[in-house]
Amino acid sequence: MNIEKIAEGQVTVHIPLREAGDLLRALRDLRDELDDEAHALEVALEKAGVSLPDPEDHRRYEYMPPADRKTDPREGD
């Protein structure tokens, strides 16, 4: 997200569409806990044509160690 301008209590930001979709999802998920400003942002995102991202089937988390040429088994001794 990049702030383009701040003037008279208004902030204009540039945000990639995918991030905007993630933001919209978060705003909807937390709707009951957030204030009217957050609801106004949700409405503005919808008016701008932002849609919710497709749900993920399965998110994988796995550790990938850094490449170390000294211990790379493909190179041998």
PDB file of N, CA and C in Angstrom:
ATOM      1  N   MET A   1       0.846  -1.159   0.000  1.00  0.00           N
ATOM      2  CA  MET A   1       0.000   0.000   0.000  1.00  0.00           C
ATOM      3  C   MET A   1       0.896   1.228   0.000  1.00  0.00           C
ATOM      4  N   ASN A   2       0.578   2.183  -0.846  1.00  0.00           N
ATOM      5  CA  ASN A   2       1.329   3.432  -0.922  1.00  0.00           C
ATOM      6  C   ASN A   2       0.382   4.600  -0.693  1.00  0.00           C
ATOM      7  N   ILE A   3       0.782   5.511   0.177  1.00  0.00           N
ATOM      8  CA  ILE A   3      -0.013   6.707   0.415  1.00  0.00           C
ATOM      9  C   ILE A   3       0.266   7.689  -0.712  1.00  0.00           C
ATOM     10  N   GLU A   4      -0.775   8.111  -1.410  1.00  0.00           N
ATOM     11  CA  GLU A   4      -0.618   9.061  -2.510  1.00  0.00           C
ATOM     12  C   GLU A   4      -0.742  10.496  -2.031  1.00  0.00           C
ATOM     13  N   LYS A   5      -1.734  10.753  -1.154  1.00  0.00           N
ATOM     14  CA  LYS A   5      -1.862  12.105  -0.619  1.00  0.00           C
ATOM     15  C   LYS A   5      -2.673  12.088   0.666  1.00  0.00           C
ATOM     16  N   ILE A   6      -2.427  13.107   1.476  1.00  0.00           N
ATOM     17  CA  ILE A   6      -3.173  13.333   2.705  1.00  0.00           C
ATOM     18  C   ILE A   6      -3.607  14.792   2.674  1.00  0.00           C
ATOM     19  N   ALA A   7      -4.911  15.032   2.735  1.00  0.00           N
ATOM     20  CA  ALA A   7      -5.414  16.401   2.690  1.00  0.00           C
ATOM     21  C   ALA A   7      -6.773  16.480   3.376  1.00  0.00           C
ATOM     22  N   GLU A   8      -6.928  17.468   4.223  1.00  0.00           N
ATOM     23  CA  GLU A   8      -8.203  17.758   4.880  1.00  0.00           C
ATOM     24  C   GLU A   8      -8.830  16.527   5.526  1.00  0.00           C
ATOM     25  N   GLY A   9      -8.050  15.762   6.230  1.00  0.00           N
ATOM     26  CA  GLY A   9      -8.558  14.589   6.920  1.00  0.00           C
ATOM     27  C   GLY A   9      -8.837  13.391   6.030  1.00  0.00           C
ATOM     28  N   GLN A  10      -8.489  13.473   4.773  1.00  0.00           N
ATOM     29  CA  GLN A  10      -8.682  12.369   3.834  1.00  0.00           C
ATOM     30  C   GLN A  10      -7.329  11.805   3.424  1.00  0.00           C
ATOM     31  N   VAL A  11      -7.255  10.504   3.333  1.00  0.00           N
ATOM     32  CA  VAL A  11      -6.031   9.839   2.893  1.00  0.00           C
ATOM     33  C   VAL A  11      -6.352   9.067   1.615  1.00  0.00           C
ATOM     34  N   THR A  12      -5.540   9.259   0.599  1.00  0.00           N
ATOM     35  CA  THR A  12      -5.688   8.520  -0.654  1.00  0.00           C
ATOM     36  C   THR A  12      -4.525   7.546  -0.754  1.00  0.00           C
ATOM     37  N   VAL A  13      -4.856   6.263  -0.928  1.00  0.00           N
ATOM     38  CA  VAL A  13      -3.816   5.240  -0.999  1.00  0.00           C
ATOM     39  C   VAL A  13      -3.935   4.462  -2.307  1.00  0.00           C
ATOM     40  N   HIS A  14      -2.827   3.882  -2.717  1.00  0.00           N
ATOM     41  CA  HIS A  14      -2.790   2.964  -3.861  1.00  0.00           C
ATOM     42  C   HIS A  14      -2.504   1.595  -3.270  1.00  0.00           C
ATOM     43  N   ILE A  15      -3.362   0.637  -3.591  1.00  0.00           N
ATOM     44  CA  ILE A  15      -3.199  -0.709  -3.050  1.00  0.00           C
ATOM     45  C   ILE A  15      -3.461  -1.711  -4.177  1.00  0.00           C
ATOM     46  N   PRO A  16      -2.598  -2.714  -4.328  1.00  0.00           N
ATOM     47  CA  PRO A  16      -2.828  -3.726  -5.364  1.00  0.00           C
ATOM     48  C   PRO A  16      -4.174  -4.430  -5.155  1.00  0.00           C
ATOM     49  N   LEU A  17      -4.793  -4.845  -6.234  1.00  0.00           N
ATOM     50  CA  LEU A  17      -6.122  -5.441  -6.177  1.00  0.00           C
ATOM     51  C   LEU A  17      -6.177  -6.653  -5.252  1.00  0.00           C
ATOM     52  N   ARG A  18      -5.151  -7.485  -5.293  1.00  0.00           N
ATOM     53  CA  ARG A  18      -5.159  -8.671  -4.428  1.00  0.00           C
ATOM     54  C   ARG A  18      -5.151  -8.272  -2.959  1.00  0.00           C
ATOM     55  N   GLU A  19      -4.324  -7.286  -2.610  1.00  0.00           N
ATOM     56  CA  GLU A  19      -4.284  -6.821  -1.225  1.00  0.00           C
ATOM     57  C   GLU A  19      -5.604  -6.169  -0.836  1.00  0.00           C
ATOM     58  N   ALA A  20      -6.239  -5.478  -1.781  1.00  0.00           N
ATOM     59  CA  ALA A  20      -7.531  -4.855  -1.503  1.00  0.00           C
ATOM     60  C   ALA A  20      -8.576  -5.928  -1.195  1.00  0.00           C
ATOM     61  N   GLY A  21      -8.529  -7.037  -1.916  1.00  0.00           N
ATOM     62  CA  GLY A  21      -9.439  -8.144  -1.642  1.00  0.00           C
ATOM     63  C   GLY A  21      -9.203  -8.743  -0.269  1.00  0.00           C
ATOM     64  N   ASP A  22      -7.934  -8.884   0.104  1.00  0.00           N
ATOM     65  CA  ASP A  22      -7.602  -9.395   1.440  1.00  0.00           C
ATOM     66  C   ASP A  22      -8.088  -8.432   2.520  1.00  0.00           C
ATOM     67  N   LEU A  23      -7.932  -7.129   2.269  1.00  0.00           N
ATOM     68  CA  LEU A  23      -8.405  -6.118   3.215  1.00  0.00           C
ATOM     69  C   LEU A  23      -9.917  -6.188   3.356  1.00  0.00           C
ATOM     70  N   LEU A  24     -10.622  -6.332   2.246  1.00  0.00           N
ATOM     71  CA  LEU A  24     -12.079  -6.447   2.288  1.00  0.00           C
ATOM     72  C   LEU A  24     -12.497  -7.669   3.091  1.00  0.00           C
ATOM     73  N   ARG A  25     -11.821  -8.791   2.890  1.00  0.00           N
ATOM     74  CA  ARG A  25     -12.120 -10.009   3.659  1.00  0.00           C
ATOM     75  C   ARG A  25     -11.929  -9.762   5.160  1.00  0.00           C
ATOM     76  N   ALA A  26     -10.824  -9.123   5.529  1.00  0.00           N
ATOM     77  CA  ALA A  26     -10.554  -8.845   6.942  1.00  0.00           C
ATOM     78  C   ALA A  26     -11.601  -7.906   7.529  1.00  0.00           C
ATOM     79  N   LEU A  27     -11.989  -6.885   6.774  1.00  0.00           N
ATOM     80  CA  LEU A  27     -13.012  -5.957   7.261  1.00  0.00           C
ATOM     81  C   LEU A  27     -14.335  -6.676   7.495  1.00  0.00           C
ATOM     82  N   ARG A  28     -14.689  -7.574   6.605  1.00  0.00           N
ATOM     83  CA  ARG A  28     -15.941  -8.323   6.781  1.00  0.00           C
ATOM     84  C   ARG A  28     -15.851  -9.294   7.954  1.00  0.00           C
ATOM     85  N   ASP A  29     -14.709  -9.948   8.092  1.00  0.00           N
ATOM     86  CA  ASP A  29     -14.546 -10.906   9.189  1.00  0.00           C
ATOM     87  C   ASP A  29     -14.610 -10.227  10.549  1.00  0.00           C
ATOM     88  N   LEU A  30     -14.144  -8.982  10.621  1.00  0.00           N
ATOM     89  CA  LEU A  30     -14.090  -8.251  11.892  1.00  0.00           C
ATOM     90  C   LEU A  30     -15.170  -7.178  11.992  1.00  0.00           C
ATOM     91  N   ARG A  31     -16.170  -7.255  11.165  1.00  0.00           N
ATOM     92  CA  ARG A  31     -17.210  -6.222  11.072  1.00  0.00           C
ATOM     93  C   ARG A  31     -17.795  -5.849  12.438  1.00  0.00           C
ATOM     94  N   ASP A  32     -18.093  -6.831  13.281  1.00  0.00           N
ATOM     95  CA  ASP A  32     -18.719  -6.555  14.580  1.00  0.00           C
ATOM     96  C   ASP A  32     -17.784  -5.851  15.554  1.00  0.00           C
ATOM     97  N   GLU A  33     -16.485  -5.975  15.341  1.00  0.00           N
ATOM     98  CA  GLU A  33     -15.514  -5.387  16.258  1.00  0.00           C
ATOM     99  C   GLU A  33     -15.025  -4.010  15.811  1.00  0.00           C
ATOM    100  N   LEU A  34     -15.313  -3.623  14.577  1.00  0.00           N
ATOM    101  CA  LEU A  34     -14.784  -2.379  14.027  1.00  0.00           C
ATOM    102  C   LEU A  34     -15.832  -1.270  14.047  1.00  0.00           C
ATOM    103  N   ASP A  35     -15.371  -0.036  13.853  1.00  0.00           N
ATOM    104  CA  ASP A  35     -16.260   1.125  13.926  1.00  0.00           C
ATOM    105  C   ASP A  35     -16.817   1.518  12.552  1.00  0.00           C
ATOM    106  N   ASP A  36     -17.501   2.652  12.523  1.00  0.00           N
ATOM    107  CA  ASP A  36     -18.131   3.126  11.289  1.00  0.00           C
ATOM    108  C   ASP A  36     -17.120   3.464  10.201  1.00  0.00           C
ATOM    109  N   GLU A  37     -15.922   3.905  10.591  1.00  0.00           N
ATOM    110  CA  GLU A  37     -14.881   4.225   9.606  1.00  0.00           C
ATOM    111  C   GLU A  37     -14.510   2.972   8.808  1.00  0.00           C
ATOM    112  N   ALA A  38     -14.409   1.852   9.494  1.00  0.00           N
ATOM    113  CA  ALA A  38     -14.072   0.596   8.820  1.00  0.00           C
ATOM    114  C   ALA A  38     -15.202   0.178   7.883  1.00  0.00           C
ATOM    115  N   HIS A  39     -16.442   0.385   8.321  1.00  0.00           N
ATOM    116  CA  HIS A  39     -17.580   0.053   7.454  1.00  0.00           C
ATOM    117  C   HIS A  39     -17.579   0.941   6.210  1.00  0.00           C
ATOM    118  N   ALA A  40     -17.244   2.213   6.376  1.00  0.00           N
ATOM    119  CA  ALA A  40     -17.167   3.125   5.230  1.00  0.00           C
ATOM    120  C   ALA A  40     -16.089   2.670   4.249  1.00  0.00           C
ATOM    121  N   LEU A  41     -14.970   2.173   4.768  1.00  0.00           N
ATOM    122  CA  LEU A  41     -13.905   1.662   3.901  1.00  0.00           C
ATOM    123  C   LEU A  41     -14.372   0.412   3.160  1.00  0.00           C
ATOM    124  N   GLU A  42     -15.096  -0.446   3.856  1.00  0.00           N
ATOM    125  CA  GLU A  42     -15.639  -1.652   3.223  1.00  0.00           C
ATOM    126  C   GLU A  42     -16.557  -1.270   2.056  1.00  0.00           C
ATOM    127  N   VAL A  43     -17.437  -0.308   2.275  1.00  0.00           N
ATOM    128  CA  VAL A  43     -18.353   0.148   1.227  1.00  0.00           C
ATOM    129  C   VAL A  43     -17.577   0.762   0.063  1.00  0.00           C
ATOM    130  N   ALA A  44     -16.551   1.559   0.373  1.00  0.00           N
ATOM    131  CA  ALA A  44     -15.745   2.194  -0.677  1.00  0.00           C
ATOM    132  C   ALA A  44     -15.023   1.147  -1.524  1.00  0.00           C
ATOM    133  N   LEU A  45     -14.510   0.103  -0.883  1.00  0.00           N
ATOM    134  CA  LEU A  45     -13.840  -0.964  -1.632  1.00  0.00           C
ATOM    135  C   LEU A  45     -14.820  -1.666  -2.570  1.00  0.00           C
ATOM    136  N   GLU A  46     -16.021  -1.938  -2.065  1.00  0.00           N
ATOM    137  CA  GLU A  46     -17.030  -2.596  -2.894  1.00  0.00           C
ATOM    138  C   GLU A  46     -17.426  -1.712  -4.077  1.00  0.00           C
ATOM    139  N   LYS A  47     -17.594  -0.408  -3.838  1.00  0.00           N
ATOM    140  CA  LYS A  47     -17.948   0.519  -4.922  1.00  0.00           C
ATOM    141  C   LYS A  47     -16.842   0.608  -5.968  1.00  0.00           C
ATOM    142  N   ALA A  48     -15.600   0.403  -5.542  1.00  0.00           N
ATOM    143  CA  ALA A  48     -14.464   0.456  -6.466  1.00  0.00           C
ATOM    144  C   ALA A  48     -14.314  -0.839  -7.262  1.00  0.00           C
ATOM    145  N   GLY A  49     -15.175  -1.821  -6.977  1.00  0.00           N
ATOM    146  CA  GLY A  49     -15.135  -3.066  -7.734  1.00  0.00           C
ATOM    147  C   GLY A  49     -14.253  -4.147  -7.142  1.00  0.00           C
ATOM    148  N   VAL A  50     -13.822  -3.959  -5.907  1.00  0.00           N
ATOM    149  CA  VAL A  50     -12.988  -4.971  -5.246  1.00  0.00           C
ATOM    150  C   VAL A  50     -13.882  -6.140  -4.848  1.00  0.00           C
ATOM    151  N   SER A  51     -13.435  -7.349  -5.138  1.00  0.00           N
ATOM    152  CA  SER A  51     -14.194  -8.537  -4.759  1.00  0.00           C
ATOM    153  C   SER A  51     -13.382  -9.370  -3.781  1.00  0.00           C
ATOM    154  N   LEU A  52     -14.085 -10.242  -3.092  1.00  0.00           N
ATOM    155  CA  LEU A  52     -13.413 -11.113  -2.130  1.00  0.00           C
ATOM    156  C   LEU A  52     -12.544 -12.126  -2.866  1.00  0.00           C
ATOM    157  N   PRO A  53     -11.378 -12.443  -2.303  1.00  0.00           N
ATOM    158  CA  PRO A  53     -10.530 -13.457  -2.939  1.00  0.00           C
ATOM    159  C   PRO A  53     -11.175 -14.835  -2.829  1.00  0.00           C
ATOM    160  N   ASP A  54     -10.824 -15.711  -3.754  1.00  0.00           N
ATOM    161  CA  ASP A  54     -11.311 -17.085  -3.682  1.00  0.00           C
ATOM    162  C   ASP A  54     -10.774 -17.729  -2.416  1.00  0.00           C
ATOM    163  N   PRO A  55     -11.599 -18.534  -1.745  1.00  0.00           N
ATOM    164  CA  PRO A  55     -11.100 -19.204  -0.543  1.00  0.00           C
ATOM    165  C   PRO A  55      -9.989 -20.187  -0.902  1.00  0.00           C
ATOM    166  N   GLU A  56      -9.029 -20.308  -0.013  1.00  0.00           N
ATOM    167  CA  GLU A  56      -7.922 -21.236  -0.254  1.00  0.00           C
ATOM    168  C   GLU A  56      -8.367 -22.646   0.086  1.00  0.00           C
ATOM    169  N   ASP A  57      -7.962 -23.600  -0.742  1.00  0.00           N
ATOM    170  CA  ASP A  57      -8.275 -24.991  -0.446  1.00  0.00           C
ATOM    171  C   ASP A  57      -7.460 -25.468   0.747  1.00  0.00           C
ATOM    172  N   HIS A  58      -6.183 -25.162   0.714  1.00  0.00           N
ATOM    173  CA  HIS A  58      -5.291 -25.624   1.774  1.00  0.00           C
ATOM    174  C   HIS A  58      -4.041 -24.765   1.747  1.00  0.00           C
ATOM    175  N   ARG A  59      -3.751 -24.126   2.846  1.00  0.00           N
ATOM    176  CA  ARG A  59      -2.534 -23.319   2.931  1.00  0.00           C
ATOM    177  C   ARG A  59      -1.435 -24.176   3.548  1.00  0.00           C
ATOM    178  N   ARG A  60      -0.307 -24.228   2.873  1.00  0.00           N
ATOM    179  CA  ARG A  60       0.816 -25.030   3.369  1.00  0.00           C
ATOM    180  C   ARG A  60       1.870 -24.134   3.980  1.00  0.00           C
ATOM    181  N   TYR A  61       2.377 -24.566   5.097  1.00  0.00           N
ATOM    182  CA  TYR A  61       3.504 -23.901   5.741  1.00  0.00           C
ATOM    183  C   TYR A  61       4.591 -24.949   5.910  1.00  0.00           C
ATOM    184  N   GLU A  62       5.748 -24.702   5.365  1.00  0.00           N
ATOM    185  CA  GLU A  62       6.849 -25.630   5.546  1.00  0.00           C
ATOM    186  C   GLU A  62       8.155 -24.861   5.577  1.00  0.00           C
ATOM    187  N   TYR A  63       9.095 -25.401   6.283  1.00  0.00           N
ATOM    188  CA  TYR A  63      10.396 -24.763   6.430  1.00  0.00           C
ATOM    189  C   TYR A  63      11.270 -25.108   5.239  1.00  0.00           C
ATOM    190  N   MET A  64      11.877 -24.099   4.657  1.00  0.00           N
ATOM    191  CA  MET A  64      12.819 -24.301   3.556  1.00  0.00           C
ATOM    192  C   MET A  64      14.147 -23.724   4.014  1.00  0.00           C
ATOM    193  N   PRO A  65      15.119 -24.587   4.334  1.00  0.00           N
ATOM    194  CA  PRO A  65      16.398 -24.077   4.839  1.00  0.00           C
ATOM    195  C   PRO A  65      17.143 -23.305   3.756  1.00  0.00           C
ATOM    196  N   PRO A  66      18.012 -22.410   4.178  1.00  0.00           N
ATOM    197  CA  PRO A  66      18.803 -21.674   3.189  1.00  0.00           C
ATOM    198  C   PRO A  66      19.727 -22.623   2.434  1.00  0.00           C
ATOM    199  N   ALA A  67      19.995 -22.297   1.190  1.00  0.00           N
ATOM    200  CA  ALA A  67      20.899 -23.122   0.390  1.00  0.00           C
ATOM    201  C   ALA A  67      22.310 -22.986   0.949  1.00  0.00           C
ATOM    202  N   ASP A  68      22.938 -24.114   1.216  1.00  0.00           N
ATOM    203  CA  ASP A  68      24.296 -24.116   1.753  1.00  0.00           C
ATOM    204  C   ASP A  68      25.116 -25.048   0.874  1.00  0.00           C
ATOM    205  N   ARG A  69      25.974 -24.493   0.075  1.00  0.00           N
ATOM    206  CA  ARG A  69      26.742 -25.294  -0.880  1.00  0.00           C
ATOM    207  C   ARG A  69      27.613 -26.337  -0.192  1.00  0.00           C
ATOM    208  N   LYS A  70      28.065 -26.092   1.025  1.00  0.00           N
ATOM    209  CA  LYS A  70      28.946 -27.043   1.710  1.00  0.00           C
ATOM    210  C   LYS A  70      28.209 -28.312   2.111  1.00  0.00           C
ATOM    211  N   THR A  71      26.917 -28.212   2.361  1.00  0.00           N
ATOM    212  CA  THR A  71      26.178 -29.388   2.814  1.00  0.00           C
ATOM    213  C   THR A  71      25.149 -29.851   1.794  1.00  0.00           C
ATOM    214  N   ASP A  72      25.251 -29.365   0.569  1.00  0.00           N
ATOM    215  CA  ASP A  72      24.311 -29.763  -0.468  1.00  0.00           C
ATOM    216  C   ASP A  72      24.605 -31.214  -0.857  1.00  0.00           C
ATOM    217  N   PRO A  73      23.675 -32.152  -0.613  1.00  0.00           N
ATOM    218  CA  PRO A  73      23.937 -33.569  -0.891  1.00  0.00           C
ATOM    219  C   PRO A  73      24.131 -33.858  -2.375  1.00  0.00           C
ATOM    220  N   ARG A  74      23.717 -32.974  -3.247  1.00  0.00           N
ATOM    221  CA  ARG A  74      23.865 -33.205  -4.685  1.00  0.00           C
ATOM    222  C   ARG A  74      25.305 -33.030  -5.142  1.00  0.00           C
ATOM    223  N   GLU A  75      26.127 -32.347  -4.348  1.00  0.00           N
ATOM    224  CA  GLU A  75      27.495 -32.057  -4.773  1.00  0.00           C
ATOM    225  C   GLU A  75      28.516 -33.063  -4.265  1.00  0.00           C
ATOM    226  N   GLY A  76      28.170 -33.829  -3.269  1.00  0.00           N
ATOM    227  CA  GLY A  76      29.130 -34.798  -2.732  1.00  0.00           C
ATOM    228  C   GLY A  76      30.287 -34.115  -2.021  1.00  0.00           C
ATOM    229  N   ASP A  77      31.348 -34.891  -1.751  1.00  0.00           N
ATOM    230  CA  ASP A  77      32.501 -34.330  -1.019  1.00  0.00           C
ATOM    231  C   ASP A  77      33.493 -33.718  -1.936  1.00  0.00           C
TER     232      ASP A  77
END
